[in-house]
Amino acid sequence: MDQGQQSIYARELFTSLRDHVGHDPYAAVVVPWLSRAEVGYRGRLADAAERLCGETFDGPATVRADLSWELYALSRVSDVLLLPFQPPAATADEAPWARRLHPLDQWPGLDMTQYLQIFTHLGLAPFDETGTFDPFLHEVVEVEQAEDPDEPARVTGLVWPGLWLGRLLFSRAGVRIRAGIHHAERGVADRSPLYWTFVRRHRPTVDLSHGWGHNSQWRTEFRLDYRTETGELLNADGCEDIDANEDVDSPSALLTPEERRHLVRNRCLLRTPVNAAALAATSSWEMELFPFDWRLPASEARHSA
């Protein structure tokens, strides 16, 4: 990440976990990596979060890319370590692209204490807020469908905690919710493709790294969500008008403005789309959606120095 200190990378931890055979992966793989990370890496993570959350970036674009790529690599470590806490996929057809790289049940399982020790050691702060459902903080894992279709979504259980890195949201907390179908539909909010995500056990994911080669996949930028004094910025590096429909052949042109906003806020659709019949004309429409350039609020723009 830093031009003078490039001896430790999250990609190394990811690869070592993937290749580990035997017992106690925490002692065998994680502890040695964390020991090397003590020299500079924690500070570089904090610096990356602070600089990437600025209105402008002070430095060359290549440095900015390196910072973002490293945060993305660390998020992949988090994703694979969270697999044991997730429900199984309903069918084999839901196996994500990442399963082709490595079977999901072959990743070493750490317990939650060990998971949190990794990230707190690196300077991240866990949170487990429940109560009112907040898509900024919460990822839907399971939906209990309320009889009243208008019942607002509320959190009924925590599956895994979220993580802050300074003011940058590193990862959302996984939660179970109860909601009326007008707010969140069981089978959609908790099982439709999750975007900006490397892998989940229980649902498909769509990530900009998917489908790229051994090295190219790691040149994926980390999604920037953070809070300011005036509000929240979601996918802050997005550069396209969320309401533009220039490509009429794209599935995104058939989403309503509300659905597009839900997609950015929740990283997935919450309900069956209004134009589901038209979308069904393309069998893989969910995988062909491309929300990665949208941002909220749509009216604000960011610039790099």
Protein backbone atom coordinates (compact mmCIF):
# COMPACT_ATOMS: atom_id res chain seq x y z
CA MET A 1 0.00 0.00 0.00
CA ASP A 2 2.70 2.50 1.01
CA GLN A 3 5.50 2.95 -1.48
CA GLY A 4 8.15 2.26 1.14
CA GLN A 5 6.44 -0.59 2.97
CA GLN A 6 5.05 -3.29 0.71
CA SER A 7 5.95 -6.42 2.67
CA ILE A 8 2.45 -7.38 3.83
CA TYR A 9 -0.76 -7.78 1.87
CA ALA A 10 -4.22 -9.12 2.61
CA ARG A 11 -4.00 -11.18 -0.55
CA GLU A 12 -1.26 -13.24 1.11
CA LEU A 13 -3.57 -14.02 4.04
CA PHE A 14 -6.41 -14.94 1.68
CA THR A 15 -4.18 -17.32 -0.30
CA SER A 16 -2.65 -18.89 2.81
CA LEU A 17 -6.10 -19.54 4.27
CA ARG A 18 -7.24 -21.07 0.99
CA ASP A 19 -4.24 -23.38 0.81
CA HIS A 20 -4.12 -24.35 4.48
CA VAL A 21 -4.46 -28.05 5.27
CA GLY A 22 -4.63 -29.21 8.85
CA HIS A 23 -5.89 -28.03 12.20
CA ASP A 24 -5.97 -24.63 13.87
CA PRO A 25 -5.70 -22.25 10.89
CA TYR A 26 -5.75 -19.31 13.28
CA ALA A 27 -2.48 -20.33 14.93
CA ALA A 28 -0.89 -21.69 11.76
CA VAL A 29 -1.86 -18.96 9.29
CA VAL A 30 -3.42 -15.92 10.93
CA VAL A 31 -1.13 -15.34 13.90
CA PRO A 32 2.09 -15.26 11.81
CA TRP A 33 0.47 -12.92 9.29
CA LEU A 34 -0.79 -10.60 12.05
CA SER A 35 2.66 -10.58 13.60
CA ARG A 36 4.14 -9.26 10.36
CA ALA A 37 1.24 -6.83 9.96
CA GLU A 38 2.11 -5.12 13.25
CA VAL A 39 4.82 -3.12 11.51
CA GLY A 40 3.01 -0.39 9.61
CA TYR A 41 0.02 -2.23 8.17
CA ARG A 42 -2.53 -1.10 10.75
CA GLY A 43 -1.51 2.51 10.27
CA ARG A 44 -1.65 2.16 6.50
CA LEU A 45 -5.21 0.85 6.71
CA ALA A 46 -6.26 3.83 8.82
CA ASP A 47 -4.53 6.18 6.39
CA ALA A 48 -6.27 4.51 3.44
CA ALA A 49 -9.71 4.94 4.99
CA GLU A 50 -9.14 8.57 5.86
CA ARG A 51 -7.70 9.55 2.50
CA LEU A 52 -10.28 7.66 0.44
CA CYS A 53 -13.13 9.29 2.36
CA GLY A 54 -11.95 12.78 1.55
CA GLU A 55 -13.69 15.00 -0.98
CA THR A 56 -10.48 14.92 -3.02
CA PHE A 57 -7.52 12.56 -2.93
CA ASP A 58 -4.15 14.07 -2.16
CA GLY A 59 -1.77 12.05 -4.27
CA PRO A 60 -1.31 10.20 -7.57
CA ALA A 61 -4.14 8.08 -8.95
CA THR A 62 -1.89 5.01 -8.81
CA VAL A 63 -1.52 5.39 -5.03
CA ARG A 64 -5.26 5.81 -4.65
CA ALA A 65 -5.86 2.63 -6.63
CA ASP A 66 -3.37 0.69 -4.50
CA LEU A 67 -5.13 1.80 -1.30
CA SER A 68 -8.54 0.81 -2.63
CA TRP A 69 -7.31 -2.53 -3.96
CA GLU A 70 -5.82 -3.42 -0.58
CA LEU A 71 -9.05 -2.67 1.24
CA TYR A 72 -10.87 -4.82 -1.30
CA ALA A 73 -8.43 -7.71 -0.72
CA LEU A 74 -8.99 -7.47 3.03
CA SER A 75 -12.76 -7.50 2.45
CA ARG A 76 -12.34 -10.82 0.62
CA VAL A 77 -10.62 -12.24 3.68
CA SER A 78 -13.62 -11.15 5.73
CA ASP A 79 -16.04 -12.68 3.23
CA VAL A 80 -14.50 -16.16 3.32
CA LEU A 81 -14.15 -16.13 7.11
CA LEU A 82 -17.86 -15.31 7.47
CA LEU A 83 -18.96 -18.34 5.41
CA PRO A 84 -19.41 -20.70 8.40
CA PHE A 85 -21.98 -18.35 9.96
CA GLN A 86 -24.24 -18.28 6.89
CA PRO A 87 -27.13 -20.58 5.96
CA PRO A 88 -26.57 -23.07 3.14
CA ALA A 89 -27.67 -22.39 -0.41
CA ALA A 90 -31.15 -23.70 -1.21
CA THR A 91 -29.94 -25.40 -4.40
CA ALA A 92 -26.67 -26.19 -6.11
CA ASP A 93 -27.65 -23.73 -8.85
CA GLU A 94 -27.08 -20.90 -6.38
CA ALA A 95 -23.37 -21.73 -6.13
CA PRO A 96 -21.51 -18.45 -6.70
CA TRP A 97 -18.72 -17.81 -9.15
CA ALA A 98 -16.25 -17.94 -6.27
CA ARG A 99 -17.14 -21.61 -5.63
CA ARG A 100 -15.37 -22.49 -8.85
CA LEU A 101 -12.17 -21.09 -7.37
CA HIS A 102 -12.45 -23.00 -4.12
CA PRO A 103 -15.29 -25.10 -2.63
CA LEU A 104 -16.98 -23.06 0.06
CA ASP A 105 -16.92 -25.89 2.59
CA GLN A 106 -13.15 -26.21 2.26
CA TRP A 107 -12.33 -22.77 3.63
CA PRO A 108 -10.92 -23.06 7.16
CA GLY A 109 -13.47 -22.13 9.79
CA LEU A 110 -12.60 -19.67 12.51
CA ASP A 111 -14.92 -18.89 15.39
CA MET A 112 -16.35 -15.41 15.86
CA THR A 113 -13.87 -14.51 18.60
CA GLN A 114 -10.98 -15.28 16.27
CA TYR A 115 -12.62 -13.41 13.40
CA LEU A 116 -12.98 -10.28 15.54
CA GLN A 117 -9.44 -10.63 16.90
CA ILE A 118 -8.08 -10.36 13.36
CA PHE A 119 -9.87 -7.16 12.52
CA THR A 120 -9.64 -5.42 15.89
CA HIS A 121 -5.90 -6.16 15.79
CA LEU A 122 -5.83 -4.24 12.50
CA GLY A 123 -7.64 -1.26 14.00
CA LEU A 124 -11.22 -1.94 12.88
CA ALA A 125 -14.09 -1.43 15.32
CA PRO A 126 -16.95 -3.96 15.44
CA PHE A 127 -20.57 -2.93 15.85
CA ASP A 128 -23.72 -4.96 16.50
CA GLU A 129 -26.53 -2.41 16.46
CA THR A 130 -29.97 -4.01 16.16
CA GLY A 131 -33.51 -2.67 16.47
CA THR A 132 -34.58 -0.62 13.47
CA PHE A 133 -33.31 -2.04 10.19
CA ASP A 134 -30.79 0.31 8.56
CA PRO A 135 -29.53 -0.76 5.11
CA PHE A 136 -26.41 1.36 5.62
CA LEU A 137 -25.41 -0.83 8.57
CA HIS A 138 -27.28 -4.08 7.95
CA GLU A 139 -27.12 -6.86 5.36
CA VAL A 140 -30.24 -9.03 5.19
CA VAL A 141 -29.47 -12.70 5.79
CA GLU A 142 -32.95 -14.04 6.57
CA VAL A 143 -36.45 -12.54 6.21
CA GLU A 144 -39.39 -13.48 8.38
CA GLN A 145 -42.44 -12.43 6.39
CA ALA A 146 -44.95 -10.51 8.51
CA GLU A 147 -48.67 -10.99 7.84
CA ASP A 148 -49.19 -7.24 7.59
CA PRO A 149 -47.68 -6.28 4.21
CA ASP A 150 -46.96 -2.76 5.49
CA GLU A 151 -45.10 -3.78 8.65
CA PRO A 152 -41.73 -1.93 8.63
CA ALA A 153 -38.54 -3.95 8.65
CA ARG A 154 -36.91 -4.50 12.04
CA VAL A 155 -33.91 -6.53 13.09
CA THR A 156 -34.76 -9.71 15.02
CA GLY A 157 -31.30 -11.25 15.29
CA LEU A 158 -27.61 -10.69 14.65
CA VAL A 159 -25.76 -13.24 12.49
CA TRP A 160 -22.38 -11.48 12.42
CA PRO A 161 -21.18 -8.02 13.52
CA GLY A 162 -20.23 -5.22 11.17
CA LEU A 163 -16.90 -3.38 11.07
CA TRP A 164 -15.91 0.28 10.91
CA LEU A 165 -12.50 1.44 9.71
CA GLY A 166 -12.42 4.97 11.01
CA ARG A 167 -15.40 6.67 9.40
CA LEU A 168 -15.41 4.20 6.51
CA LEU A 169 -17.91 1.34 6.66
CA PHE A 170 -15.75 -1.72 6.05
CA SER A 171 -18.53 -4.31 6.29
CA ARG A 172 -22.18 -4.41 7.30
CA ALA A 173 -23.59 -6.54 10.07
CA GLY A 174 -25.48 -9.63 8.90
CA VAL A 175 -28.98 -9.68 10.36
CA ARG A 176 -32.31 -11.46 10.38
CA ILE A 177 -35.29 -9.20 9.89
CA ARG A 178 -39.08 -9.29 10.13
CA ALA A 179 -40.93 -7.21 7.56
CA GLY A 180 -44.10 -6.88 5.57
CA ILE A 181 -43.81 -7.83 1.91
CA HIS A 182 -44.11 -4.18 0.86
CA HIS A 183 -40.79 -3.54 2.59
CA ALA A 184 -38.81 -6.77 2.11
CA GLU A 185 -39.85 -9.95 0.32
CA ARG A 186 -38.65 -13.30 1.61
CA GLY A 187 -36.73 -15.07 -1.14
CA VAL A 188 -35.70 -11.78 -2.75
CA ALA A 189 -34.24 -9.57 -0.03
CA ASP A 190 -32.37 -12.55 1.45
CA ARG A 191 -31.69 -14.74 -1.61
CA SER A 192 -31.37 -12.54 -4.72
CA PRO A 193 -27.86 -11.65 -5.95
CA LEU A 194 -25.86 -9.47 -3.59
CA TYR A 195 -23.76 -6.89 -5.46
CA TRP A 196 -20.38 -5.44 -4.42
CA THR A 197 -19.71 -8.77 -2.64
CA PHE A 198 -17.16 -11.49 -3.32
CA VAL A 199 -18.95 -14.51 -1.86
CA ARG A 200 -21.84 -15.65 0.34
CA ARG A 201 -22.80 -19.24 1.08
CA HIS A 202 -26.57 -18.76 0.89
CA ARG A 203 -27.02 -16.48 -2.13
CA PRO A 204 -25.42 -15.54 -5.45
CA THR A 205 -23.05 -12.60 -5.50
CA VAL A 206 -21.96 -10.19 -8.23
CA ASP A 207 -18.56 -8.61 -7.82
CA LEU A 208 -16.37 -6.70 -10.27
CA SER A 209 -13.58 -9.21 -9.65
CA HIS A 210 -15.65 -12.14 -10.89
CA GLY A 211 -14.53 -13.66 -14.15
CA TRP A 212 -11.11 -11.99 -14.24
CA GLY A 213 -7.77 -13.77 -14.23
CA HIS A 214 -5.52 -14.75 -11.37
CA ASN A 215 -3.97 -11.29 -10.96
CA SER A 216 -6.49 -8.99 -12.60
CA GLN A 217 -9.27 -9.92 -10.15
CA TRP A 218 -7.32 -8.26 -7.34
CA ARG A 219 -7.42 -4.91 -9.11
CA THR A 220 -10.94 -4.34 -7.88
CA GLU A 221 -11.79 -1.15 -6.06
CA PHE A 222 -13.37 -1.19 -2.63
CA ARG A 223 -16.88 0.25 -2.40
CA LEU A 224 -16.80 3.46 -0.35
CA ASP A 225 -19.68 4.00 2.09
CA TYR A 226 -19.19 6.52 4.87
CA ARG A 227 -20.96 9.10 6.99
CA THR A 228 -20.30 12.81 7.06
CA GLU A 229 -21.69 15.66 9.16
CA THR A 230 -24.38 16.18 6.53
CA GLY A 231 -25.38 12.57 5.82
CA GLU A 232 -24.30 9.31 4.23
CA LEU A 233 -22.44 8.67 1.00
CA LEU A 234 -23.04 5.29 -0.60
CA ASN A 235 -20.75 3.97 -3.32
CA ALA A 236 -19.14 7.39 -3.19
CA ASP A 237 -16.93 6.77 -6.23
CA GLY A 238 -19.92 6.15 -8.49
CA CYS A 239 -19.78 8.38 -11.52
CA GLU A 240 -23.04 7.78 -13.42
CA ASP A 241 -26.50 9.29 -13.09
CA ILE A 242 -28.59 6.71 -11.26
CA ASP A 243 -31.64 7.75 -13.30
CA ALA A 244 -30.00 7.64 -16.72
CA ASN A 245 -31.35 5.00 -19.11
CA GLU A 246 -29.08 5.47 -22.09
CA ASP A 247 -28.79 1.74 -22.82
CA VAL A 248 -32.39 0.65 -23.40
CA ASP A 249 -31.24 -2.96 -23.78
CA SER A 250 -29.79 -3.06 -20.27
CA PRO A 251 -31.88 -4.68 -17.51
CA SER A 252 -31.22 -1.59 -15.37
CA ALA A 253 -33.42 0.42 -17.75
CA LEU A 254 -36.38 -1.67 -16.56
CA LEU A 255 -35.84 -0.89 -12.89
CA THR A 256 -37.85 1.93 -11.37
CA PRO A 257 -36.02 4.86 -9.74
CA GLU A 258 -37.01 3.47 -6.33
CA GLU A 259 -35.66 0.02 -7.22
CA ARG A 260 -32.36 1.48 -8.38
CA ARG A 261 -32.00 3.35 -5.10
CA HIS A 262 -32.86 0.25 -3.09
CA LEU A 263 -30.23 -1.63 -5.07
CA VAL A 264 -27.50 0.84 -4.12
CA ARG A 265 -28.60 1.12 -0.48
CA ASN A 266 -29.10 -2.60 0.14
CA ARG A 267 -26.67 -3.98 -2.47
CA CYS A 268 -29.57 -6.18 -3.59
CA LEU A 269 -33.20 -5.94 -4.58
CA LEU A 270 -35.69 -6.09 -1.72
CA ARG A 271 -38.79 -7.11 -3.67
CA THR A 272 -39.72 -8.62 -7.00
CA PRO A 273 -39.27 -5.80 -9.55
CA VAL A 274 -42.31 -4.07 -10.98
CA ASN A 275 -41.18 -5.04 -14.50
CA ALA A 276 -40.33 -8.64 -13.59
CA ALA A 277 -42.11 -10.06 -16.64
CA ALA A 278 -40.10 -7.90 -19.05
CA LEU A 279 -36.87 -8.62 -17.19
CA ALA A 280 -37.55 -12.36 -17.42
CA ALA A 281 -37.02 -12.10 -21.18
CA THR A 282 -33.32 -12.14 -20.30
CA SER A 283 -32.74 -15.25 -18.21
CA SER A 284 -29.57 -13.86 -16.60
CA TRP A 285 -30.86 -10.33 -16.07
CA GLU A 286 -29.87 -10.25 -12.38
CA MET A 287 -26.26 -11.01 -13.26
CA GLU A 288 -26.31 -8.46 -16.09
CA LEU A 289 -27.41 -5.55 -13.93
CA PHE A 290 -24.54 -3.11 -13.52
CA PRO A 291 -25.17 -0.78 -10.57
CA PHE A 292 -21.49 -0.35 -9.77
CA ASP A 293 -21.24 3.21 -11.12
CA TRP A 294 -24.31 4.53 -9.30
CA ARG A 295 -23.96 6.57 -6.14
CA LEU A 296 -26.17 8.11 -3.47
CA PRO A 297 -26.86 10.94 -3.06
CA ALA A 298 -26.87 11.11 -6.85
CA SER A 299 -26.38 14.88 -6.97
CA GLU A 300 -22.98 14.99 -5.26
CA ALA A 301 -19.74 14.53 -7.17
CA ARG A 302 -16.26 13.56 -6.07
CA HIS A 303 -13.00 14.49 -7.69
CA SER A 304 -9.47 13.16 -7.42
CA ALA A 305 -6.54 15.53 -7.30
